[in-house]
Amino acid sequence: MGGTPEFTFADDPAWRDSLEAILLTEDGTSVDDLFELFTITEGNILYIGDGRYGPFTYNWTFVAEGYEDAVISFDLSDSTPAE
């Protein structure tokens, strides 16, 4: 199971400029702040790190000062892991 996380959004330059953390939680366990492993451009946040996904639930939290956290979740628990 692989793929590159890429998040698209209606661009808000003020929000984008205020973005200070991108947090990942995997099946309820906090992984880390992965902010440095993303490129952030107009309307797009692209993961440039490496890694694979297992059959878990993932929560990405985007933290921007002065804004409510944006949380995106996806569930791969019913997926077959990569070999």
N, C-alpha and C. Protein backbone atom coordinates (compact mmCIF):
# COMPACT_ATOMS: atom_id res chain seq x y z
N MET A 1 0.88 -1.15 0.00
CA MET A 1 0.00 0.00 0.00
C MET A 1 0.92 1.21 0.00
N GLY A 2 0.68 2.11 -0.84
CA GLY A 2 1.56 3.26 -0.92
C GLY A 2 0.79 4.44 -1.40
N GLY A 3 1.46 5.28 -2.10
CA GLY A 3 0.83 6.51 -2.56
C GLY A 3 1.42 7.68 -1.82
N THR A 4 1.23 8.81 -2.38
CA THR A 4 1.74 10.04 -1.80
C THR A 4 0.58 10.89 -1.32
N PRO A 5 0.54 11.20 -0.02
CA PRO A 5 -0.53 12.08 0.44
C PRO A 5 -0.44 13.44 -0.24
N GLU A 6 -1.55 13.83 -0.81
CA GLU A 6 -1.65 15.14 -1.44
C GLU A 6 -3.03 15.69 -1.08
N PHE A 7 -3.04 16.89 -0.56
CA PHE A 7 -4.28 17.53 -0.11
C PHE A 7 -4.50 18.78 -0.95
N THR A 8 -5.67 18.89 -1.52
CA THR A 8 -6.01 20.09 -2.29
C THR A 8 -7.12 20.82 -1.55
N PHE A 9 -7.16 22.13 -1.72
CA PHE A 9 -8.11 22.96 -0.99
C PHE A 9 -8.33 24.27 -1.71
N ALA A 10 -9.47 24.91 -1.41
CA ALA A 10 -9.70 26.27 -1.90
C ALA A 10 -8.68 27.15 -1.19
N ASP A 11 -7.81 27.76 -1.95
CA ASP A 11 -6.68 28.48 -1.37
C ASP A 11 -7.11 29.70 -0.57
N ASP A 12 -6.52 29.82 0.60
CA ASP A 12 -6.63 31.01 1.45
C ASP A 12 -5.19 31.37 1.81
N PRO A 13 -4.60 32.35 1.13
CA PRO A 13 -3.19 32.66 1.36
C PRO A 13 -2.87 32.96 2.83
N ALA A 14 -3.78 33.60 3.54
CA ALA A 14 -3.52 33.91 4.95
C ALA A 14 -3.43 32.62 5.78
N TRP A 15 -4.34 31.66 5.51
CA TRP A 15 -4.29 30.38 6.22
C TRP A 15 -3.00 29.64 5.86
N ARG A 16 -2.71 29.60 4.58
CA ARG A 16 -1.50 28.90 4.12
C ARG A 16 -0.25 29.49 4.76
N ASP A 17 -0.17 30.80 4.85
CA ASP A 17 0.99 31.46 5.46
C ASP A 17 1.05 31.24 6.97
N SER A 18 -0.09 30.95 7.59
CA SER A 18 -0.15 30.73 9.04
C SER A 18 0.06 29.27 9.42
N LEU A 19 0.11 28.39 8.44
CA LEU A 19 0.28 26.96 8.71
C LEU A 19 1.61 26.74 9.41
N GLU A 20 1.55 26.05 10.57
CA GLU A 20 2.76 25.87 11.36
C GLU A 20 3.03 24.41 11.76
N ALA A 21 2.06 23.52 11.55
CA ALA A 21 2.28 22.12 11.89
C ALA A 21 1.35 21.24 11.05
N ILE A 22 1.86 20.08 10.69
CA ILE A 22 1.06 19.04 10.04
C ILE A 22 1.31 17.78 10.84
N LEU A 23 0.29 17.39 11.61
CA LEU A 23 0.43 16.29 12.55
C LEU A 23 -0.24 15.03 12.00
N LEU A 24 0.37 13.89 12.25
CA LEU A 24 -0.19 12.62 11.82
C LEU A 24 -0.44 11.74 13.03
N THR A 25 -1.64 11.17 13.06
CA THR A 25 -1.98 10.17 14.07
C THR A 25 -2.35 8.90 13.33
N GLU A 26 -1.76 7.79 13.75
CA GLU A 26 -1.98 6.50 13.10
C GLU A 26 -2.62 5.57 14.12
N ASP A 27 -3.87 5.20 13.88
CA ASP A 27 -4.64 4.35 14.80
C ASP A 27 -4.57 4.87 16.24
N GLY A 28 -4.71 6.16 16.42
CA GLY A 28 -4.74 6.78 17.74
C GLY A 28 -3.38 7.08 18.33
N THR A 29 -2.31 6.70 17.65
CA THR A 29 -0.97 6.95 18.15
C THR A 29 -0.36 8.12 17.37
N SER A 30 0.05 9.14 18.10
CA SER A 30 0.66 10.30 17.47
C SER A 30 2.00 9.90 16.86
N VAL A 31 2.18 10.23 15.58
CA VAL A 31 3.41 9.88 14.88
C VAL A 31 4.42 11.01 15.01
N ASP A 32 4.06 12.21 14.60
CA ASP A 32 5.02 13.31 14.66
C ASP A 32 4.45 14.52 13.93
N ASP A 33 5.15 15.64 14.05
CA ASP A 33 4.87 16.81 13.24
C ASP A 33 5.68 16.64 11.96
N LEU A 34 4.99 16.49 10.85
CA LEU A 34 5.65 16.21 9.57
C LEU A 34 5.72 17.43 8.66
N PHE A 35 5.56 18.62 9.23
CA PHE A 35 5.51 19.86 8.46
C PHE A 35 6.66 19.97 7.46
N GLU A 36 7.85 19.61 7.89
CA GLU A 36 9.04 19.76 7.04
C GLU A 36 9.05 18.78 5.87
N LEU A 37 8.15 17.80 5.87
CA LEU A 37 8.12 16.80 4.80
C LEU A 37 7.03 17.09 3.77
N PHE A 38 6.56 18.33 3.73
CA PHE A 38 5.53 18.73 2.78
C PHE A 38 5.97 19.96 2.00
N THR A 39 5.52 20.05 0.76
CA THR A 39 5.60 21.31 0.03
C THR A 39 4.20 21.90 0.05
N ILE A 40 4.13 23.19 0.25
CA ILE A 40 2.85 23.88 0.36
C ILE A 40 2.82 24.97 -0.69
N THR A 41 1.89 24.84 -1.61
CA THR A 41 1.72 25.81 -2.68
C THR A 41 0.25 26.22 -2.74
N GLU A 42 -0.07 27.11 -3.63
CA GLU A 42 -1.44 27.60 -3.76
C GLU A 42 -2.41 26.45 -3.99
N GLY A 43 -3.26 26.20 -2.98
CA GLY A 43 -4.29 25.17 -3.09
C GLY A 43 -3.80 23.74 -3.02
N ASN A 44 -2.54 23.52 -2.60
CA ASN A 44 -2.00 22.17 -2.62
C ASN A 44 -0.99 21.97 -1.50
N ILE A 45 -1.11 20.83 -0.81
CA ILE A 45 -0.14 20.40 0.20
C ILE A 45 0.29 19.00 -0.20
N LEU A 46 1.57 18.82 -0.52
CA LEU A 46 2.08 17.56 -1.06
C LEU A 46 3.17 17.00 -0.16
N TYR A 47 3.02 15.73 0.21
CA TYR A 47 4.01 15.01 1.01
C TYR A 47 5.21 14.67 0.13
N ILE A 48 6.41 15.01 0.59
CA ILE A 48 7.63 14.72 -0.18
C ILE A 48 8.54 13.75 0.56
N GLY A 49 8.07 13.24 1.69
CA GLY A 49 8.85 12.25 2.44
C GLY A 49 8.65 10.88 1.83
N ASP A 50 9.11 9.86 2.53
CA ASP A 50 8.86 8.51 2.05
C ASP A 50 8.15 7.73 3.15
N GLY A 51 7.59 6.63 2.80
CA GLY A 51 6.87 5.82 3.78
C GLY A 51 5.76 5.06 3.10
N ARG A 52 5.23 4.09 3.81
CA ARG A 52 4.15 3.27 3.28
C ARG A 52 3.03 3.27 4.31
N TYR A 53 1.85 2.96 3.84
CA TYR A 53 0.70 2.92 4.72
C TYR A 53 0.31 1.48 5.00
N GLY A 54 -0.05 1.23 6.24
CA GLY A 54 -0.56 -0.07 6.63
C GLY A 54 -2.07 0.01 6.81
N PRO A 55 -2.67 -1.07 7.26
CA PRO A 55 -4.13 -1.11 7.41
C PRO A 55 -4.58 -0.43 8.70
N PHE A 56 -4.48 0.88 8.74
CA PHE A 56 -4.81 1.66 9.93
C PHE A 56 -5.76 2.80 9.57
N THR A 57 -6.18 3.52 10.59
CA THR A 57 -6.91 4.76 10.40
C THR A 57 -5.91 5.90 10.60
N TYR A 58 -5.89 6.82 9.66
CA TYR A 58 -4.95 7.94 9.68
C TYR A 58 -5.70 9.24 9.85
N ASN A 59 -5.19 10.11 10.72
CA ASN A 59 -5.74 11.45 10.91
C ASN A 59 -4.63 12.46 10.68
N TRP A 60 -4.83 13.33 9.71
CA TRP A 60 -3.90 14.42 9.44
C TRP A 60 -4.52 15.68 10.02
N THR A 61 -3.76 16.39 10.84
CA THR A 61 -4.24 17.63 11.45
C THR A 61 -3.35 18.77 10.97
N PHE A 62 -3.98 19.78 10.37
CA PHE A 62 -3.27 20.94 9.86
C PHE A 62 -3.51 22.09 10.83
N VAL A 63 -2.43 22.59 11.43
CA VAL A 63 -2.50 23.60 12.46
C VAL A 63 -1.99 24.93 11.89
N ALA A 64 -2.88 25.93 11.91
CA ALA A 64 -2.52 27.27 11.46
C ALA A 64 -2.89 28.26 12.55
N GLU A 65 -1.94 29.08 12.94
CA GLU A 65 -2.17 30.05 14.01
C GLU A 65 -3.32 30.98 13.65
N GLY A 66 -4.27 31.09 14.59
CA GLY A 66 -5.42 31.96 14.39
C GLY A 66 -6.59 31.29 13.69
N TYR A 67 -6.46 30.00 13.37
CA TYR A 67 -7.51 29.25 12.67
C TYR A 67 -7.81 27.97 13.43
N GLU A 68 -9.02 27.47 13.25
CA GLU A 68 -9.38 26.17 13.80
C GLU A 68 -8.60 25.09 13.06
N ASP A 69 -8.15 24.07 13.78
CA ASP A 69 -7.42 22.98 13.14
C ASP A 69 -8.29 22.32 12.07
N ALA A 70 -7.68 21.99 10.96
CA ALA A 70 -8.35 21.24 9.90
C ALA A 70 -7.89 19.78 10.04
N VAL A 71 -8.85 18.85 10.11
CA VAL A 71 -8.52 17.44 10.29
C VAL A 71 -9.09 16.64 9.12
N ILE A 72 -8.24 15.81 8.54
CA ILE A 72 -8.65 14.93 7.45
C ILE A 72 -8.33 13.50 7.89
N SER A 73 -9.32 12.64 7.80
CA SER A 73 -9.15 11.25 8.23
C SER A 73 -9.40 10.31 7.07
N PHE A 74 -8.65 9.21 7.06
CA PHE A 74 -8.98 8.15 6.12
C PHE A 74 -8.68 6.81 6.78
N ASP A 75 -9.51 5.85 6.47
CA ASP A 75 -9.46 4.54 7.11
C ASP A 75 -9.02 3.50 6.09
N LEU A 76 -7.88 2.90 6.35
CA LEU A 76 -7.37 1.83 5.50
C LEU A 76 -7.40 0.50 6.24
N SER A 77 -8.15 0.43 7.34
CA SER A 77 -8.12 -0.77 8.18
C SER A 77 -8.65 -2.01 7.48
N ASP A 78 -9.47 -1.84 6.46
CA ASP A 78 -9.98 -2.98 5.70
C ASP A 78 -9.12 -3.29 4.47
N SER A 79 -8.00 -2.61 4.33
CA SER A 79 -7.12 -2.77 3.16
C SER A 79 -6.09 -3.86 3.42
N THR A 80 -5.59 -4.41 2.37
CA THR A 80 -4.53 -5.41 2.47
C THR A 80 -3.18 -4.69 2.41
N PRO A 81 -2.30 -4.93 3.39
CA PRO A 81 -1.00 -4.24 3.37
C PRO A 81 -0.16 -4.61 2.15
N ALA A 82 0.73 -3.72 1.80
CA ALA A 82 1.64 -3.94 0.67
C ALA A 82 2.65 -5.03 1.04
N GLU A 83 3.14 -5.70 0.03
CA GLU A 83 4.17 -6.72 0.25
C GLU A 83 5.53 -6.16 0.00
